[in-house]
Amino acid sequence: MKKYAIIKLQGHQYQVSENDEILVDKMSEGKELEVLLFVDGDKVKVGKPTLKDVSIKIKVVSEEKGDKIKVFKFKSKSRYRRHRGFRAQYTRLLVEKISSK
């Protein structure tokens, strides 16, 4: 069986295991992550609401930009045209180690 955890980071929940890379919204250093659930083979620990004895070591791999989203507004017969673009900023994280005490 696999060892994995469910974490909460910036209001989103992710399932992570060791050596996984996850893509999250751009974050600054020192953001706190909360461990909600930890599974190690047949052992399951559920937090109420979080687990304090499980620690997860993460490392920032890179900062990236997402795909460009194009927004185009148009109204016929009135010469109204608006064009905008948007690229979301992301941070790629590497889960180095999940340890339980």
PDB file of N, CA and C in Angstrom:
ATOM      1  N   MET A   1       0.838  -1.189   0.000  1.00  0.00           N
ATOM      2  CA  MET A   1       0.000   0.000   0.000  1.00  0.00           C
ATOM      3  C   MET A   1       0.873   1.240   0.000  1.00  0.00           C
ATOM      4  N   LYS A   2       0.291   2.308  -0.403  1.00  0.00           N
ATOM      5  CA  LYS A   2       1.003   3.547  -0.597  1.00  0.00           C
ATOM      6  C   LYS A   2       0.848   4.462   0.617  1.00  0.00           C
ATOM      7  N   LYS A   3       1.851   5.291   0.845  1.00  0.00           N
ATOM      8  CA  LYS A   3       1.783   6.288   1.910  1.00  0.00           C
ATOM      9  C   LYS A   3       1.432   7.627   1.267  1.00  0.00           C
ATOM     10  N   TYR A   4       0.328   8.234   1.731  1.00  0.00           N
ATOM     11  CA  TYR A   4      -0.079   9.524   1.187  1.00  0.00           C
ATOM     12  C   TYR A   4      -0.782  10.335   2.258  1.00  0.00           C
ATOM     13  N   ALA A   5      -1.026  11.592   1.941  1.00  0.00           N
ATOM     14  CA  ALA A   5      -1.696  12.494   2.875  1.00  0.00           C
ATOM     15  C   ALA A   5      -2.595  13.444   2.088  1.00  0.00           C
ATOM     16  N   ILE A   6      -3.621  13.921   2.768  1.00  0.00           N
ATOM     17  CA  ILE A   6      -4.489  14.969   2.221  1.00  0.00           C
ATOM     18  C   ILE A   6      -4.102  16.248   2.960  1.00  0.00           C
ATOM     19  N   ILE A   7      -3.692  17.280   2.197  1.00  0.00           N
ATOM     20  CA  ILE A   7      -3.287  18.535   2.824  1.00  0.00           C
ATOM     21  C   ILE A   7      -4.201  19.662   2.373  1.00  0.00           C
ATOM     22  N   LYS A   8      -4.240  20.697   3.186  1.00  0.00           N
ATOM     23  CA  LYS A   8      -4.989  21.902   2.844  1.00  0.00           C
ATOM     24  C   LYS A   8      -3.985  23.042   2.737  1.00  0.00           C
ATOM     25  N   LEU A   9      -3.946  23.682   1.571  1.00  0.00           N
ATOM     26  CA  LEU A   9      -2.998  24.749   1.303  1.00  0.00           C
ATOM     27  C   LEU A   9      -3.719  25.838   0.533  1.00  0.00           C
ATOM     28  N   GLN A  10      -3.755  27.038   1.086  1.00  0.00           N
ATOM     29  CA  GLN A  10      -4.400  28.198   0.466  1.00  0.00           C
ATOM     30  C   GLN A  10      -5.877  27.942   0.150  1.00  0.00           C
ATOM     31  N   GLY A  11      -6.553  27.209   1.009  1.00  0.00           N
ATOM     32  CA  GLY A  11      -7.976  26.973   0.822  1.00  0.00           C
ATOM     33  C   GLY A  11      -8.316  25.836  -0.119  1.00  0.00           C
ATOM     34  N   HIS A  12      -7.327  25.164  -0.688  1.00  0.00           N
ATOM     35  CA  HIS A  12      -7.548  24.032  -1.576  1.00  0.00           C
ATOM     36  C   HIS A  12      -6.994  22.771  -0.929  1.00  0.00           C
ATOM     37  N   GLN A  13      -7.572  21.628  -1.282  1.00  0.00           N
ATOM     38  CA  GLN A  13      -7.113  20.353  -0.739  1.00  0.00           C
ATOM     39  C   GLN A  13      -6.426  19.549  -1.836  1.00  0.00           C
ATOM     40  N   TYR A  14      -5.295  18.907  -1.475  1.00  0.00           N
ATOM     41  CA  TYR A  14      -4.510  18.131  -2.421  1.00  0.00           C
ATOM     42  C   TYR A  14      -4.165  16.780  -1.799  1.00  0.00           C
ATOM     43  N   GLN A  15      -4.140  15.742  -2.624  1.00  0.00           N
ATOM     44  CA  GLN A  15      -3.649  14.438  -2.187  1.00  0.00           C
ATOM     45  C   GLN A  15      -2.207  14.339  -2.659  1.00  0.00           C
ATOM     46  N   VAL A  16      -1.288  14.152  -1.704  1.00  0.00           N
ATOM     47  CA  VAL A  16       0.130  14.121  -2.034  1.00  0.00           C
ATOM     48  C   VAL A  16       0.783  12.872  -1.452  1.00  0.00           C
ATOM     49  N   SER A  17       1.809  12.411  -2.126  1.00  0.00           N
ATOM     50  CA  SER A  17       2.671  11.354  -1.602  1.00  0.00           C
ATOM     51  C   SER A  17       4.106  11.800  -1.839  1.00  0.00           C
ATOM     52  N   GLU A  18       5.070  11.046  -1.335  1.00  0.00           N
ATOM     53  CA  GLU A  18       6.466  11.448  -1.460  1.00  0.00           C
ATOM     54  C   GLU A  18       6.885  11.493  -2.928  1.00  0.00           C
ATOM     55  N   ASN A  19       7.720  12.471  -3.261  1.00  0.00           N
ATOM     56  CA  ASN A  19       8.260  12.725  -4.603  1.00  0.00           C
ATOM     57  C   ASN A  19       7.195  13.151  -5.616  1.00  0.00           C
ATOM     58  N   ASP A  20       6.042  13.623  -5.149  1.00  0.00           N
ATOM     59  CA  ASP A  20       5.028  14.180  -6.041  1.00  0.00           C
ATOM     60  C   ASP A  20       5.301  15.657  -6.264  1.00  0.00           C
ATOM     61  N   GLU A  21       4.956  16.141  -7.451  1.00  0.00           N
ATOM     62  CA  GLU A  21       4.988  17.568  -7.737  1.00  0.00           C
ATOM     63  C   GLU A  21       3.552  18.035  -7.891  1.00  0.00           C
ATOM     64  N   ILE A  22       3.216  19.139  -7.231  1.00  0.00           N
ATOM     65  CA  ILE A  22       1.870  19.693  -7.351  1.00  0.00           C
ATOM     66  C   ILE A  22       1.983  21.138  -7.816  1.00  0.00           C
ATOM     67  N   LEU A  23       0.983  21.579  -8.540  1.00  0.00           N
ATOM     68  CA  LEU A  23       0.922  22.935  -9.067  1.00  0.00           C
ATOM     69  C   LEU A  23      -0.148  23.684  -8.288  1.00  0.00           C
ATOM     70  N   VAL A  24       0.253  24.736  -7.562  1.00  0.00           N
ATOM     71  CA  VAL A  24      -0.674  25.499  -6.735  1.00  0.00           C
ATOM     72  C   VAL A  24      -0.653  26.952  -7.176  1.00  0.00           C
ATOM     73  N   ASP A  25      -1.627  27.722  -6.725  1.00  0.00           N
ATOM     74  CA  ASP A  25      -1.630  29.153  -7.004  1.00  0.00           C
ATOM     75  C   ASP A  25      -0.367  29.781  -6.434  1.00  0.00           C
ATOM     76  N   LYS A  26       0.053  30.892  -7.015  1.00  0.00           N
ATOM     77  CA  LYS A  26       1.300  31.526  -6.585  1.00  0.00           C
ATOM     78  C   LYS A  26       1.261  31.791  -5.091  1.00  0.00           C
ATOM     79  N   MET A  27       2.326  31.379  -4.415  1.00  0.00           N
ATOM     80  CA  MET A  27       2.374  31.537  -2.973  1.00  0.00           C
ATOM     81  C   MET A  27       3.703  32.137  -2.554  1.00  0.00           C
ATOM     82  N   SER A  28       3.668  32.848  -1.443  1.00  0.00           N
ATOM     83  CA  SER A  28       4.896  33.378  -0.888  1.00  0.00           C
ATOM     84  C   SER A  28       5.481  32.353   0.075  1.00  0.00           C
ATOM     85  N   GLU A  29       6.727  32.534   0.451  1.00  0.00           N
ATOM     86  CA  GLU A  29       7.383  31.601   1.367  1.00  0.00           C
ATOM     87  C   GLU A  29       6.717  31.649   2.734  1.00  0.00           C
ATOM     88  N   GLY A  30       6.737  30.524   3.410  1.00  0.00           N
ATOM     89  CA  GLY A  30       6.229  30.476   4.771  1.00  0.00           C
ATOM     90  C   GLY A  30       4.738  30.239   4.897  1.00  0.00           C
ATOM     91  N   LYS A  31       4.069  29.874   3.815  1.00  0.00           N
ATOM     92  CA  LYS A  31       2.642  29.549   3.921  1.00  0.00           C
ATOM     93  C   LYS A  31       2.493  28.260   4.707  1.00  0.00           C
ATOM     94  N   GLU A  32       1.542  28.239   5.593  1.00  0.00           N
ATOM     95  CA  GLU A  32       1.320  27.075   6.453  1.00  0.00           C
ATOM     96  C   GLU A  32       0.404  26.081   5.751  1.00  0.00           C
ATOM     97  N   LEU A  33       0.810  24.821   5.750  1.00  0.00           N
ATOM     98  CA  LEU A  33      -0.074  23.790   5.218  1.00  0.00           C
ATOM     99  C   LEU A  33      -0.580  22.938   6.373  1.00  0.00           C
ATOM    100  N   GLU A  34      -1.798  22.471   6.240  1.00  0.00           N
ATOM    101  CA  GLU A  34      -2.448  21.675   7.282  1.00  0.00           C
ATOM    102  C   GLU A  34      -2.638  20.253   6.754  1.00  0.00           C
ATOM    103  N   VAL A  35      -2.337  19.273   7.583  1.00  0.00           N
ATOM    104  CA  VAL A  35      -2.524  17.872   7.219  1.00  0.00           C
ATOM    105  C   VAL A  35      -3.878  17.430   7.760  1.00  0.00           C
ATOM    106  N   LEU A  36      -4.765  17.015   6.854  1.00  0.00           N
ATOM    107  CA  LEU A  36      -6.120  16.622   7.236  1.00  0.00           C
ATOM    108  C   LEU A  36      -6.245  15.110   7.425  1.00  0.00           C
ATOM    109  N   LEU A  37      -5.488  14.331   6.650  1.00  0.00           N
ATOM    110  CA  LEU A  37      -5.585  12.874   6.692  1.00  0.00           C
ATOM    111  C   LEU A  37      -4.229  12.294   6.339  1.00  0.00           C
ATOM    112  N   PHE A  38      -3.868  11.195   6.987  1.00  0.00           N
ATOM    113  CA  PHE A  38      -2.602  10.516   6.697  1.00  0.00           C
ATOM    114  C   PHE A  38      -2.863   9.019   6.604  1.00  0.00           C
ATOM    115  N   VAL A  39      -2.392   8.395   5.523  1.00  0.00           N
ATOM    116  CA  VAL A  39      -2.569   6.967   5.308  1.00  0.00           C
ATOM    117  C   VAL A  39      -1.196   6.349   5.062  1.00  0.00           C
ATOM    118  N   ASP A  40      -0.867   5.322   5.858  1.00  0.00           N
ATOM    119  CA  ASP A  40       0.374   4.588   5.690  1.00  0.00           C
ATOM    120  C   ASP A  40       0.034   3.102   5.696  1.00  0.00           C
ATOM    121  N   GLY A  41      -0.157   2.559   4.516  1.00  0.00           N
ATOM    122  CA  GLY A  41      -0.563   1.153   4.401  1.00  0.00           C
ATOM    123  C   GLY A  41      -1.976   0.966   4.935  1.00  0.00           C
ATOM    124  N   ASP A  42      -2.105   0.202   6.034  1.00  0.00           N
ATOM    125  CA  ASP A  42      -3.415  -0.033   6.637  1.00  0.00           C
ATOM    126  C   ASP A  42      -3.727   0.957   7.741  1.00  0.00           C
ATOM    127  N   LYS A  43      -2.742   1.747   8.158  1.00  0.00           N
ATOM    128  CA  LYS A  43      -2.967   2.729   9.222  1.00  0.00           C
ATOM    129  C   LYS A  43      -3.536   4.014   8.635  1.00  0.00           C
ATOM    130  N   VAL A  44      -4.630   4.473   9.208  1.00  0.00           N
ATOM    131  CA  VAL A  44      -5.277   5.708   8.763  1.00  0.00           C
ATOM    132  C   VAL A  44      -5.430   6.631   9.958  1.00  0.00           C
ATOM    133  N   LYS A  45      -4.944   7.866   9.815  1.00  0.00           N
ATOM    134  CA  LYS A  45      -5.111   8.887  10.847  1.00  0.00           C
ATOM    135  C   LYS A  45      -5.949  10.011  10.255  1.00  0.00           C
ATOM    136  N   VAL A  46      -7.018  10.345  10.951  1.00  0.00           N
ATOM    137  CA  VAL A  46      -7.912  11.405  10.498  1.00  0.00           C
ATOM    138  C   VAL A  46      -7.819  12.550  11.493  1.00  0.00           C
ATOM    139  N   GLY A  47      -7.617  13.748  10.991  1.00  0.00           N
ATOM    140  CA  GLY A  47      -7.507  14.914  11.859  1.00  0.00           C
ATOM    141  C   GLY A  47      -8.866  15.443  12.258  1.00  0.00           C
ATOM    142  N   LYS A  48      -8.910  16.069  13.420  1.00  0.00           N
ATOM    143  CA  LYS A  48     -10.157  16.665  13.909  1.00  0.00           C
ATOM    144  C   LYS A  48      -9.874  18.081  14.356  1.00  0.00           C
ATOM    145  N   PRO A  49      -9.690  19.073  13.537  1.00  0.00           N
ATOM    146  CA  PRO A  49      -9.713  19.073  12.066  1.00  0.00           C
ATOM    147  C   PRO A  49      -8.361  18.797  11.420  1.00  0.00           C
ATOM    148  N   THR A  50      -7.224  18.958  12.152  1.00  0.00           N
ATOM    149  CA  THR A  50      -5.919  18.724  11.545  1.00  0.00           C
ATOM    150  C   THR A  50      -5.088  17.774  12.402  1.00  0.00           C
ATOM    151  N   LEU A  51      -4.032  17.243  11.797  1.00  0.00           N
ATOM    152  CA  LEU A  51      -3.094  16.371  12.498  1.00  0.00           C
ATOM    153  C   LEU A  51      -1.842  17.172  12.835  1.00  0.00           C
ATOM    154  N   LYS A  52      -1.456  17.182  14.094  1.00  0.00           N
ATOM    155  CA  LYS A  52      -0.270  17.923  14.524  1.00  0.00           C
ATOM    156  C   LYS A  52       0.987  17.071  14.490  1.00  0.00           C
ATOM    157  N   ASP A  53       0.847  15.728  14.567  1.00  0.00           N
ATOM    158  CA  ASP A  53       2.019  14.861  14.653  1.00  0.00           C
ATOM    159  C   ASP A  53       2.525  14.380  13.295  1.00  0.00           C
ATOM    160  N   VAL A  54       1.951  14.854  12.192  1.00  0.00           N
ATOM    161  CA  VAL A  54       2.405  14.496  10.858  1.00  0.00           C
ATOM    162  C   VAL A  54       3.029  15.737  10.234  1.00  0.00           C
ATOM    163  N   SER A  55       4.259  15.597   9.743  1.00  0.00           N
ATOM    164  CA  SER A  55       4.922  16.738   9.116  1.00  0.00           C
ATOM    165  C   SER A  55       5.246  16.399   7.668  1.00  0.00           C
ATOM    166  N   ILE A  56       5.109  17.402   6.824  1.00  0.00           N
ATOM    167  CA  ILE A  56       5.371  17.242   5.401  1.00  0.00           C
ATOM    168  C   ILE A  56       6.387  18.297   4.999  1.00  0.00           C
ATOM    169  N   LYS A  57       7.469  17.854   4.382  1.00  0.00           N
ATOM    170  CA  LYS A  57       8.517  18.761   3.926  1.00  0.00           C
ATOM    171  C   LYS A  57       8.309  19.014   2.440  1.00  0.00           C
ATOM    172  N   ILE A  58       8.114  20.287   2.079  1.00  0.00           N
ATOM    173  CA  ILE A  58       7.918  20.652   0.678  1.00  0.00           C
ATOM    174  C   ILE A  58       9.013  21.620   0.256  1.00  0.00           C
ATOM    175  N   LYS A  59       9.270  21.643  -1.053  1.00  0.00           N
ATOM    176  CA  LYS A  59      10.294  22.513  -1.608  1.00  0.00           C
ATOM    177  C   LYS A  59       9.739  23.177  -2.853  1.00  0.00           C
ATOM    178  N   VAL A  60      10.008  24.469  -3.023  1.00  0.00           N
ATOM    179  CA  VAL A  60       9.564  25.192  -4.208  1.00  0.00           C
ATOM    180  C   VAL A  60      10.490  24.832  -5.360  1.00  0.00           C
ATOM    181  N   VAL A  61       9.915  24.299  -6.435  1.00  0.00           N
ATOM    182  CA  VAL A  61      10.697  23.904  -7.601  1.00  0.00           C
ATOM    183  C   VAL A  61      10.809  25.065  -8.574  1.00  0.00           C
ATOM    184  N   SER A  62       9.672  25.677  -8.907  1.00  0.00           N
ATOM    185  CA  SER A  62       9.692  26.775  -9.877  1.00  0.00           C
ATOM    186  C   SER A  62       8.436  27.616  -9.753  1.00  0.00           C
ATOM    187  N   GLU A  63       8.516  28.792 -10.343  1.00  0.00           N
ATOM    188  CA  GLU A  63       7.362  29.684 -10.477  1.00  0.00           C
ATOM    189  C   GLU A  63       7.018  29.704 -11.962  1.00  0.00           C
ATOM    190  N   GLU A  64       5.748  29.503 -12.291  1.00  0.00           N
ATOM    191  CA  GLU A  64       5.344  29.363 -13.683  1.00  0.00           C
ATOM    192  C   GLU A  64       4.133  30.233 -13.985  1.00  0.00           C
ATOM    193  N   LYS A  65       3.893  30.425 -15.278  1.00  0.00           N
ATOM    194  CA  LYS A  65       2.685  31.084 -15.736  1.00  0.00           C
ATOM    195  C   LYS A  65       1.823  30.052 -16.447  1.00  0.00           C
ATOM    196  N   GLY A  66       0.524  30.169 -16.282  1.00  0.00           N
ATOM    197  CA  GLY A  66      -0.395  29.248 -16.927  1.00  0.00           C
ATOM    198  C   GLY A  66      -0.666  29.646 -18.360  1.00  0.00           C
ATOM    199  N   ASP A  67      -1.582  28.948 -18.995  1.00  0.00           N
ATOM    200  CA  ASP A  67      -1.971  29.270 -20.359  1.00  0.00           C
ATOM    201  C   ASP A  67      -2.702  30.594 -20.397  1.00  0.00           C
ATOM    202  N   LYS A  68      -2.604  31.280 -21.524  1.00  0.00           N
ATOM    203  CA  LYS A  68      -3.260  32.564 -21.673  1.00  0.00           C
ATOM    204  C   LYS A  68      -4.752  32.359 -21.927  1.00  0.00           C
ATOM    205  N   ILE A  69      -5.546  33.104 -21.194  1.00  0.00           N
ATOM    206  CA  ILE A  69      -6.990  33.083 -21.385  1.00  0.00           C
ATOM    207  C   ILE A  69      -7.355  34.373 -22.107  1.00  0.00           C
ATOM    208  N   LYS A  70      -8.031  34.258 -23.242  1.00  0.00           N
ATOM    209  CA  LYS A  70      -8.418  35.431 -24.021  1.00  0.00           C
ATOM    210  C   LYS A  70      -9.892  35.711 -23.793  1.00  0.00           C
ATOM    211  N   VAL A  71     -10.192  36.953 -23.500  1.00  0.00           N
ATOM    212  CA  VAL A  71     -11.570  37.387 -23.285  1.00  0.00           C
ATOM    213  C   VAL A  71     -11.884  38.412 -24.371  1.00  0.00           C
ATOM    214  N   PHE A  72     -12.930  38.161 -25.127  1.00  0.00           N
ATOM    215  CA  PHE A  72     -13.296  39.060 -26.220  1.00  0.00           C
ATOM    216  C   PHE A  72     -14.772  39.391 -26.114  1.00  0.00           C
ATOM    217  N   LYS A  73     -15.082  40.681 -25.974  1.00  0.00           N
ATOM    218  CA  LYS A  73     -16.474  41.124 -25.918  1.00  0.00           C
ATOM    219  C   LYS A  73     -16.819  41.785 -27.247  1.00  0.00           C
ATOM    220  N   PHE A  74     -18.023  41.529 -27.701  1.00  0.00           N
ATOM    221  CA  PHE A  74     -18.438  42.043 -29.001  1.00  0.00           C
ATOM    222  C   PHE A  74     -19.939  42.299 -29.001  1.00  0.00           C
ATOM    223  N   LYS A  75     -20.322  43.436 -29.491  1.00  0.00           N
ATOM    224  CA  LYS A  75     -21.740  43.725 -29.694  1.00  0.00           C
ATOM    225  C   LYS A  75     -21.933  44.114 -31.146  1.00  0.00           C
ATOM    226  N   SER A  76     -22.853  43.439 -31.805  1.00  0.00           N
ATOM    227  CA  SER A  76     -23.042  43.680 -33.224  1.00  0.00           C
ATOM    228  C   SER A  76     -23.728  45.019 -33.479  1.00  0.00           C
ATOM    229  N   LYS A  77     -23.421  45.602 -34.607  1.00  0.00           N
ATOM    230  CA  LYS A  77     -24.040  46.836 -35.127  1.00  0.00           C
ATOM    231  C   LYS A  77     -23.757  48.068 -34.271  1.00  0.00           C
ATOM    232  N   SER A  78     -22.814  47.991 -33.349  1.00  0.00           N
ATOM    233  CA  SER A  78     -22.543  49.170 -32.525  1.00  0.00           C
ATOM    234  C   SER A  78     -21.045  49.479 -32.414  1.00  0.00           C
ATOM    235  N   ARG A  79     -20.223  48.749 -33.142  1.00  0.00           N
ATOM    236  CA  ARG A  79     -18.763  48.932 -33.158  1.00  0.00           C
ATOM    237  C   ARG A  79     -18.135  48.789 -31.769  1.00  0.00           C
ATOM    238  N   TYR A  80     -18.671  47.904 -30.964  1.00  0.00           N
ATOM    239  CA  TYR A  80     -18.145  47.679 -29.616  1.00  0.00           C
ATOM    240  C   TYR A  80     -17.339  46.389 -29.619  1.00  0.00           C
ATOM    241  N   ARG A  81     -16.025  46.516 -29.385  1.00  0.00           N
ATOM    242  CA  ARG A  81     -15.135  45.357 -29.314  1.00  0.00           C
ATOM    243  C   ARG A  81     -14.126  45.597 -28.201  1.00  0.00           C
ATOM    244  N   ARG A  82     -13.966  44.606 -27.322  1.00  0.00           N
ATOM    245  CA  ARG A  82     -12.980  44.686 -26.244  1.00  0.00           C
ATOM    246  C   ARG A  82     -12.208  43.369 -26.196  1.00  0.00           C
ATOM    247  N   HIS A  83     -10.904  43.466 -26.084  1.00  0.00           N
ATOM    248  CA  HIS A  83     -10.054  42.281 -26.056  1.00  0.00           C
ATOM    249  C   HIS A  83      -9.121  42.382 -24.854  1.00  0.00           C
ATOM    250  N   ARG A  84      -9.116  41.356 -24.009  1.00  0.00           N
ATOM    251  CA  ARG A  84      -8.221  41.294 -22.843  1.00  0.00           C
ATOM    252  C   ARG A  84      -7.617  39.902 -22.746  1.00  0.00           C
ATOM    253  N   GLY A  85      -6.482  39.826 -22.080  1.00  0.00           N
ATOM    254  CA  GLY A  85      -5.836  38.540 -21.851  1.00  0.00           C
ATOM    255  C   GLY A  85      -5.455  38.411 -20.383  1.00  0.00           C
ATOM    256  N   PHE A  86      -5.287  37.158 -19.937  1.00  0.00           N
ATOM    257  CA  PHE A  86      -4.932  36.896 -18.546  1.00  0.00           C
ATOM    258  C   PHE A  86      -4.108  35.629 -18.476  1.00  0.00           C
ATOM    259  N   ARG A  87      -3.014  35.663 -17.690  1.00  0.00           N
ATOM    260  CA  ARG A  87      -2.205  34.465 -17.435  1.00  0.00           C
ATOM    261  C   ARG A  87      -2.057  34.298 -15.934  1.00  0.00           C
ATOM    262  N   ALA A  88      -2.523  33.167 -15.427  1.00  0.00           N
ATOM    263  CA  ALA A  88      -2.443  32.898 -13.989  1.00  0.00           C
ATOM    264  C   ALA A  88      -1.008  32.564 -13.599  1.00  0.00           C
ATOM    265  N   GLN A  89      -0.626  32.925 -12.376  1.00  0.00           N
ATOM    266  CA  GLN A  89       0.705  32.643 -11.843  1.00  0.00           C
ATOM    267  C   GLN A  89       0.618  31.408 -10.936  1.00  0.00           C
ATOM    268  N   TYR A  90       1.525  30.466 -11.112  1.00  0.00           N
ATOM    269  CA  TYR A  90       1.524  29.229 -10.345  1.00  0.00           C
ATOM    270  C   TYR A  90       2.885  28.992  -9.683  1.00  0.00           C
ATOM    271  N   THR A  91       2.885  28.163  -8.657  1.00  0.00           N
ATOM    272  CA  THR A  91       4.108  27.702  -8.012  1.00  0.00           C
ATOM    273  C   THR A  91       4.096  26.182  -8.040  1.00  0.00           C
ATOM    274  N   ARG A  92       5.203  25.581  -8.503  1.00  0.00           N
ATOM    275  CA  ARG A  92       5.323  24.126  -8.537  1.00  0.00           C
ATOM    276  C   ARG A  92       6.075  23.690  -7.279  1.00  0.00           C
ATOM    277  N   LEU A  93       5.450  22.784  -6.509  1.00  0.00           N
ATOM    278  CA  LEU A  93       6.018  22.305  -5.247  1.00  0.00           C
ATOM    279  C   LEU A  93       6.387  20.835  -5.355  1.00  0.00           C
ATOM    280  N   LEU A  94       7.472  20.459  -4.694  1.00  0.00           N
ATOM    281  CA  LEU A  94       7.906  19.072  -4.622  1.00  0.00           C
ATOM    282  C   LEU A  94       7.735  18.597  -3.177  1.00  0.00           C
ATOM    283  N   VAL A  95       7.014  17.496  -2.994  1.00  0.00           N
ATOM    284  CA  VAL A  95       6.836  16.908  -1.671  1.00  0.00           C
ATOM    285  C   VAL A  95       8.029  15.983  -1.436  1.00  0.00           C
ATOM    286  N   GLU A  96       8.934  16.404  -0.546  1.00  0.00           N
ATOM    287  CA  GLU A  96      10.154  15.634  -0.317  1.00  0.00           C
ATOM    288  C   GLU A  96       9.954  14.486   0.661  1.00  0.00           C
ATOM    289  N   LYS A  97       9.258  14.749   1.770  1.00  0.00           N
ATOM    290  CA  LYS A  97       9.144  13.711   2.786  1.00  0.00           C
ATOM    291  C   LYS A  97       7.846  13.887   3.572  1.00  0.00           C
ATOM    292  N   ILE A  98       7.202  12.769   3.857  1.00  0.00           N
ATOM    293  CA  ILE A  98       6.034  12.735   4.750  1.00  0.00           C
ATOM    294  C   ILE A  98       6.421  11.870   5.936  1.00  0.00           C
ATOM    295  N   SER A  99       6.379  12.438   7.120  1.00  0.00           N
ATOM    296  CA  SER A  99       6.777  11.667   8.298  1.00  0.00           C
ATOM    297  C   SER A  99       5.742  11.802   9.399  1.00  0.00           C
ATOM    298  N   SER A 100       5.547  10.710  10.113  1.00  0.00           N
ATOM    299  CA  SER A 100       4.625  10.668  11.229  1.00  0.00           C
ATOM    300  C   SER A 100       5.406  10.351  12.491  1.00  0.00           C
ATOM    301  N   LYS A 101       5.041  10.990  13.585  1.00  0.00           N
ATOM    302  CA  LYS A 101       5.749  10.794  14.852  1.00  0.00           C
ATOM    303  C   LYS A 101       5.116   9.709  15.680  1.00  0.00           C
TER     304      LYS A 101
END
